[in-house]
Amino acid sequence: ADSHLYPLPELPYDYDALEPAIDKQTLTIHHDRHHQGYVNGLNSTLESIGKAQKAGDFGDMQKLSRKLAFHGSGHVLHTIYWASMTPKKTQPKGALLKAIEADFGSVDTLKGQIGAAAGSAAGSGWGLLAYEPVGDRLVVVQIEKHENQIFCGVVPLMVIDVWEHAYYLKYQNRRGDYVKAVMDILDWDSTAQRY
């Protein structure tokens, strides 16, 4: 097997572990089909880039760069999304809690801001808690098109996926109800490890 291929990461919990917030059917389709699609697209794009490198023909680089950004961002954000949730009840603590209090005032303020960012993304998108190393601070970023709307250089710590496939089977167009439910299953321990 090619060691440079990206694999689909396994979920850190069972498919039904996040119920009732996220149902088993949605999680299964989202992970096994949708995220797998990003992995397949990323690996295929990298293969095409490799062929272009060997041939010394970079005429399709604009198209390939866009595909790399789209599939690569989709893969990374979904990987962090799975790790951003847990069936266990966790709370921010330690260095992460101090950073949240310094940059947002309180955990509730952060949750309100990331929930609003996720809930109000136009069309499909993400709410993202990230570390911004230049300013040495935490920021919340709203992403509407993950391949071209990002604060360059930030390190993603926690994400909430609000593309319709993440919630539509259970919540239909009630995105706000889904975002509220996700707030109760956020994995602050995993987020602290990334921080």
Protein backbone atom coordinates (compact mmCIF):
# COMPACT_ATOMS: atom_id res chain seq x y z
CA ALA A 1 0.00 0.00 0.00
CA ASP A 2 1.15 3.55 -0.74
CA SER A 3 2.19 5.12 2.56
CA HIS A 4 1.31 8.54 1.16
CA LEU A 5 -2.37 7.68 0.73
CA TYR A 6 -4.78 9.16 3.24
CA PRO A 7 -6.95 6.61 5.05
CA LEU A 8 -10.46 7.18 6.36
CA PRO A 9 -9.98 7.52 10.12
CA GLU A 10 -12.03 5.28 12.37
CA LEU A 11 -14.60 6.93 14.59
CA PRO A 12 -13.48 7.23 18.24
CA TYR A 13 -16.89 5.84 19.34
CA ASP A 14 -19.65 3.55 18.06
CA TYR A 15 -22.03 4.80 15.37
CA ASP A 16 -24.90 5.08 17.86
CA ALA A 17 -22.83 6.57 20.69
CA LEU A 18 -23.83 10.19 20.05
CA GLU A 19 -27.59 9.55 20.12
CA PRO A 20 -29.90 11.33 20.64
CA ALA A 21 -27.87 14.36 19.46
CA ILE A 22 -26.73 12.63 16.26
CA ASP A 23 -28.50 9.50 15.08
CA LYS A 24 -26.75 6.30 13.98
CA GLN A 25 -27.97 6.46 10.37
CA THR A 26 -26.73 10.02 9.85
CA LEU A 27 -23.37 9.30 11.46
CA THR A 28 -22.89 6.13 9.41
CA ILE A 29 -23.68 7.81 6.08
CA HIS A 30 -21.70 10.92 6.99
CA HIS A 31 -18.57 9.00 7.99
CA ASP A 32 -18.61 5.95 5.73
CA ARG A 33 -19.80 7.59 2.54
CA HIS A 34 -19.34 11.35 2.72
CA HIS A 35 -16.00 11.53 4.49
CA GLN A 36 -14.78 8.57 2.40
CA GLY A 37 -15.60 10.67 -0.66
CA TYR A 38 -13.22 13.41 0.52
CA VAL A 39 -10.51 10.82 1.20
CA ASN A 40 -10.97 9.31 -2.26
CA GLY A 41 -10.94 12.75 -3.89
CA LEU A 42 -7.83 13.81 -1.97
CA ASN A 43 -5.90 10.66 -2.90
CA SER A 44 -7.01 10.88 -6.54
CA THR A 45 -5.98 14.54 -6.73
CA LEU A 46 -2.57 13.77 -5.25
CA GLU A 47 -2.15 11.01 -7.81
CA SER A 48 -2.96 13.47 -10.61
CA ILE A 49 -0.49 15.99 -9.18
CA GLY A 50 2.17 13.27 -9.05
CA LYS A 51 1.57 12.45 -12.72
CA ALA A 52 1.87 16.15 -13.59
CA GLN A 53 5.16 16.37 -11.67
CA LYS A 54 6.61 13.34 -13.49
CA ALA A 55 5.51 14.69 -16.86
CA GLY A 56 6.62 18.24 -16.08
CA ASP A 57 3.20 19.38 -17.31
CA PHE A 58 1.56 21.85 -14.94
CA GLY A 59 -1.18 23.13 -17.24
CA ASP A 60 -3.93 21.79 -14.96
CA MET A 61 -2.41 23.11 -11.73
CA GLN A 62 -5.18 25.66 -11.08
CA LYS A 63 -7.85 22.96 -11.27
CA LEU A 64 -5.75 20.50 -9.26
CA SER A 65 -4.95 23.11 -6.59
CA ARG A 66 -8.65 23.79 -6.12
CA LYS A 67 -9.42 20.08 -5.87
CA LEU A 68 -6.57 19.61 -3.39
CA ALA A 69 -7.90 22.45 -1.21
CA PHE A 70 -11.50 21.18 -1.40
CA HIS A 71 -10.85 17.51 -0.68
CA GLY A 72 -7.94 18.14 1.70
CA SER A 73 -9.89 20.65 3.78
CA GLY A 74 -12.94 18.39 3.79
CA HIS A 75 -10.84 15.49 5.03
CA VAL A 76 -9.04 17.45 7.76
CA LEU A 77 -12.17 19.19 9.03
CA HIS A 78 -14.18 15.95 9.13
CA THR A 79 -11.33 14.21 10.98
CA ILE A 80 -11.40 16.96 13.61
CA TYR A 81 -15.21 16.98 13.65
CA TRP A 82 -15.36 13.32 14.73
CA ALA A 83 -12.81 14.06 17.45
CA SER A 84 -14.72 17.19 18.54
CA MET A 85 -17.60 15.10 19.91
CA THR A 86 -17.90 12.43 22.57
CA PRO A 87 -20.63 10.50 24.38
CA LYS A 88 -18.83 11.34 27.64
CA LYS A 89 -19.53 14.57 29.49
CA THR A 90 -16.40 16.74 29.43
CA GLN A 91 -15.62 20.30 30.46
CA PRO A 92 -12.73 22.60 29.54
CA LYS A 93 -9.95 22.62 32.12
CA GLY A 94 -6.29 23.45 32.56
CA ALA A 95 -4.48 25.49 29.90
CA LEU A 96 -7.42 25.31 27.50
CA LEU A 97 -9.81 26.73 30.09
CA LYS A 98 -7.37 29.57 30.89
CA ALA A 99 -7.07 30.41 27.19
CA ILE A 100 -10.85 30.35 26.74
CA GLU A 101 -11.32 32.67 29.71
CA ALA A 102 -8.58 35.01 28.46
CA ASP A 103 -9.88 35.22 24.88
CA PHE A 104 -13.65 34.85 25.34
CA GLY A 105 -14.32 35.67 28.99
CA SER A 106 -16.10 32.39 29.69
CA VAL A 107 -16.90 28.97 28.28
CA ASP A 108 -20.52 30.04 27.81
CA THR A 109 -19.41 33.01 25.70
CA LEU A 110 -17.24 30.75 23.54
CA LYS A 111 -20.10 28.27 23.12
CA GLY A 112 -22.45 31.11 22.20
CA GLN A 113 -20.00 32.46 19.64
CA ILE A 114 -19.11 29.16 17.98
CA GLY A 115 -22.77 28.15 18.00
CA ALA A 116 -23.71 31.43 16.31
CA ALA A 117 -20.90 31.05 13.77
CA ALA A 118 -22.02 27.52 12.92
CA GLY A 119 -25.71 28.33 12.97
CA SER A 120 -25.50 31.41 10.75
CA ALA A 121 -23.12 30.16 8.06
CA ALA A 122 -24.75 30.98 4.74
CA GLY A 123 -25.59 27.73 3.00
CA SER A 124 -23.26 24.97 4.14
CA GLY A 125 -20.21 25.38 6.32
CA TRP A 126 -18.51 25.06 9.66
CA GLY A 127 -18.03 26.75 13.01
CA LEU A 128 -14.38 26.47 14.02
CA LEU A 129 -12.49 27.07 17.24
CA ALA A 130 -8.85 27.56 16.33
CA TYR A 131 -5.51 28.58 17.77
CA GLU A 132 -3.96 31.55 15.97
CA PRO A 133 -0.18 31.40 16.59
CA VAL A 134 0.81 34.89 15.40
CA GLY A 135 -1.42 36.54 18.00
CA ASP A 136 -1.11 33.58 20.42
CA ARG A 137 -4.85 33.46 20.91
CA LEU A 138 -7.98 31.41 20.35
CA VAL A 139 -10.37 32.56 17.63
CA VAL A 140 -13.74 31.43 16.32
CA VAL A 141 -13.93 31.29 12.55
CA GLN A 142 -17.01 30.81 10.38
CA ILE A 143 -16.28 28.82 7.26
CA GLU A 144 -18.75 28.75 4.40
CA LYS A 145 -16.57 27.17 1.69
CA HIS A 146 -13.83 25.24 3.38
CA GLU A 147 -11.55 25.37 0.39
CA ASN A 148 -11.26 29.15 0.24
CA GLN A 149 -12.53 30.82 3.40
CA ILE A 150 -10.14 30.26 6.25
CA PHE A 151 -7.94 32.39 8.51
CA CYS A 152 -4.54 31.35 7.13
CA GLY A 153 -2.21 29.81 9.67
CA VAL A 154 -4.81 28.92 12.29
CA VAL A 155 -4.69 25.46 13.86
CA PRO A 156 -8.17 23.89 13.99
CA LEU A 157 -9.04 22.67 17.50
CA MET A 158 -12.79 21.98 17.39
CA VAL A 159 -15.30 22.11 14.55
CA ILE A 160 -19.04 21.89 14.13
CA ASP A 161 -20.15 20.69 10.70
CA VAL A 162 -23.30 22.44 9.46
CA TRP A 163 -23.40 21.05 5.95
CA GLU A 164 -26.93 19.66 5.65
CA HIS A 165 -25.74 16.06 5.42
CA ALA A 166 -24.55 16.35 9.04
CA TYR A 167 -28.05 16.79 10.44
CA TYR A 168 -30.83 16.73 7.84
CA LEU A 169 -32.19 13.20 8.43
CA LYS A 170 -33.02 14.00 12.06
CA TYR A 171 -33.37 17.78 12.15
CA GLN A 172 -34.43 18.65 8.57
CA ASN A 173 -34.02 22.45 8.30
CA ARG A 174 -33.76 23.00 12.08
CA ARG A 175 -30.02 23.67 12.07
CA GLY A 176 -30.26 25.58 15.34
CA ASP A 177 -31.63 22.52 17.15
CA TYR A 178 -28.75 20.41 15.81
CA VAL A 179 -26.13 22.99 16.85
CA LYS A 180 -27.68 23.19 20.32
CA ALA A 181 -27.57 19.38 20.63
CA VAL A 182 -23.92 19.27 19.54
CA MET A 183 -23.02 21.75 22.30
CA ASP A 184 -23.86 19.01 24.81
CA ILE A 185 -21.51 16.43 23.24
CA LEU A 186 -18.40 18.56 22.62
CA ASP A 187 -15.18 16.77 23.53
CA TRP A 188 -13.17 19.30 25.51
CA ASP A 189 -10.53 16.71 26.45
CA SER A 190 -9.75 15.98 22.80
CA THR A 191 -9.78 19.71 22.04
CA ALA A 192 -7.32 20.32 24.87
CA GLN A 193 -4.95 17.71 23.43
CA ARG A 194 -4.95 19.51 20.06
CA TYR A 195 -4.46 22.84 21.84
